[in-house]
Protein backbone atom coordinates (compact mmCIF):
# COMPACT_ATOMS: atom_id res chain seq x y z
CA GLN A 1 0.00 0.00 0.00
CA PRO A 2 1.44 3.43 -0.87
CA LEU A 3 2.36 6.06 1.68
CA VAL A 4 -0.37 8.56 2.45
CA PRO A 5 0.99 12.08 2.94
CA ILE A 6 -0.98 14.44 5.16
CA THR A 7 -0.17 18.12 5.32
CA THR A 8 -1.68 21.06 7.11
CA THR A 9 -0.83 24.60 8.09
CA GLU A 10 -3.35 24.94 10.92
CA THR A 11 -6.02 22.91 12.69
CA GLY A 12 -7.95 22.50 9.45
CA PRO A 13 -8.58 22.14 6.64
CA THR A 14 -6.17 19.26 6.15
CA MET A 15 -4.74 18.24 2.77
CA VAL A 16 -5.03 14.45 2.66
CA GLY A 17 -4.10 13.42 -0.87
CA ASP A 18 -3.40 14.22 -4.48
CA GLU A 19 -5.31 13.46 -7.67
CA TYR A 20 -3.92 9.89 -7.70
CA SER A 21 -5.06 9.01 -4.16
CA ASP A 22 -7.35 6.04 -3.55
CA PRO A 23 -10.93 7.33 -4.05
CA ALA A 24 -12.29 4.87 -1.47
CA ILE A 25 -9.96 6.20 1.23
CA MET A 26 -10.71 9.80 0.26
CA SER A 27 -14.45 9.04 0.50
CA TYR A 28 -13.98 7.41 3.93
CA LEU A 29 -12.16 10.55 5.11
CA GLY A 30 -14.93 12.76 3.72
CA ALA A 31 -12.42 14.55 1.50
CA ARG A 32 -13.32 16.86 -1.36
CA LYS A 33 -11.19 17.14 -4.50
CA THR A 34 -10.17 20.69 -5.37
CA THR A 35 -8.01 22.41 -7.96
CA MET A 36 -6.56 25.78 -7.00
CA LEU A 37 -6.71 28.47 -9.69
CA GLY A 38 -3.49 28.36 -11.71
CA ASN A 39 -2.54 24.80 -10.67
CA ASN A 40 -2.60 21.92 -13.16
CA PHE A 41 -3.17 19.32 -10.42
CA SER A 42 -5.85 18.48 -7.86
CA GLU A 43 -5.68 17.88 -4.11
CA TYR A 44 -8.06 16.33 -1.58
CA HIS A 45 -8.96 18.32 1.55
CA VAL A 46 -11.06 17.73 4.67
CA ASP A 47 -12.24 20.33 7.17
CA GLU A 48 -11.12 18.23 10.16
CA PRO A 49 -7.81 18.76 11.97
CA PRO A 50 -4.97 16.28 11.36
CA ARG A 51 -5.54 14.53 14.71
CA LEU A 52 -8.96 13.31 13.58
CA VAL A 53 -7.69 12.34 10.11
CA LEU A 54 -4.82 10.34 11.63
CA ASP A 55 -7.27 8.56 13.96
CA LYS A 56 -9.44 7.53 10.99
CA LEU A 57 -6.44 6.26 9.00
CA GLU A 58 -5.23 4.27 12.01
CA LYS A 59 -8.58 2.44 12.00
CA LEU A 60 -7.78 1.42 8.41
CA GLY A 61 -4.43 -0.03 9.51
CA TYR A 62 -2.14 2.88 8.60
CA LYS A 63 0.76 3.76 10.91
CA VAL A 64 2.74 7.00 11.07
CA VAL A 65 6.30 6.34 9.87
CA THR A 66 7.63 9.89 9.88
CA MET A 67 6.62 13.47 10.56
CA THR A 68 8.33 16.77 9.82
CA GLY A 69 7.72 20.46 9.70
CA VAL A 70 8.18 22.53 6.55
CA GLY A 71 7.88 26.18 7.51
CA GLN A 72 4.53 26.41 9.27
CA THR A 73 3.28 23.24 7.57
CA LEU A 74 3.33 19.81 9.21
CA VAL A 75 3.68 16.65 7.10
CA TRP A 76 2.94 13.10 8.26
CA CYS A 77 3.74 10.03 6.14
CA LEU A 78 1.81 6.86 6.85
CA HIS A 79 2.24 3.28 5.68
CA LYS A 80 0.06 0.19 5.66
CA ASP A 81 1.76 -3.19 5.54
CA ALA A 82 0.93 -5.13 2.36
CA ASN A 83 0.09 -8.13 4.59
CA ASP A 84 -2.76 -6.10 6.12
CA LEU A 85 -4.62 -5.78 2.80
């Protein structure tokens, strides 16, 4: 299963995926697909803070493998073991 990047700059909304993200997972998270004016790519966002998004992904079997800060943005990378599919 691919890594799921999660980024945010505040307590919400939270960016939870790109245009190639699994639609079933995005639906489960309640994410909406958006394209910012001037961008040639789409992103998925939810209004919930990262804490709630991470809790939902944990229920699907994802585990946080790394986290970092980029400026005022936080990024979490999650992984789900292929044996858990």
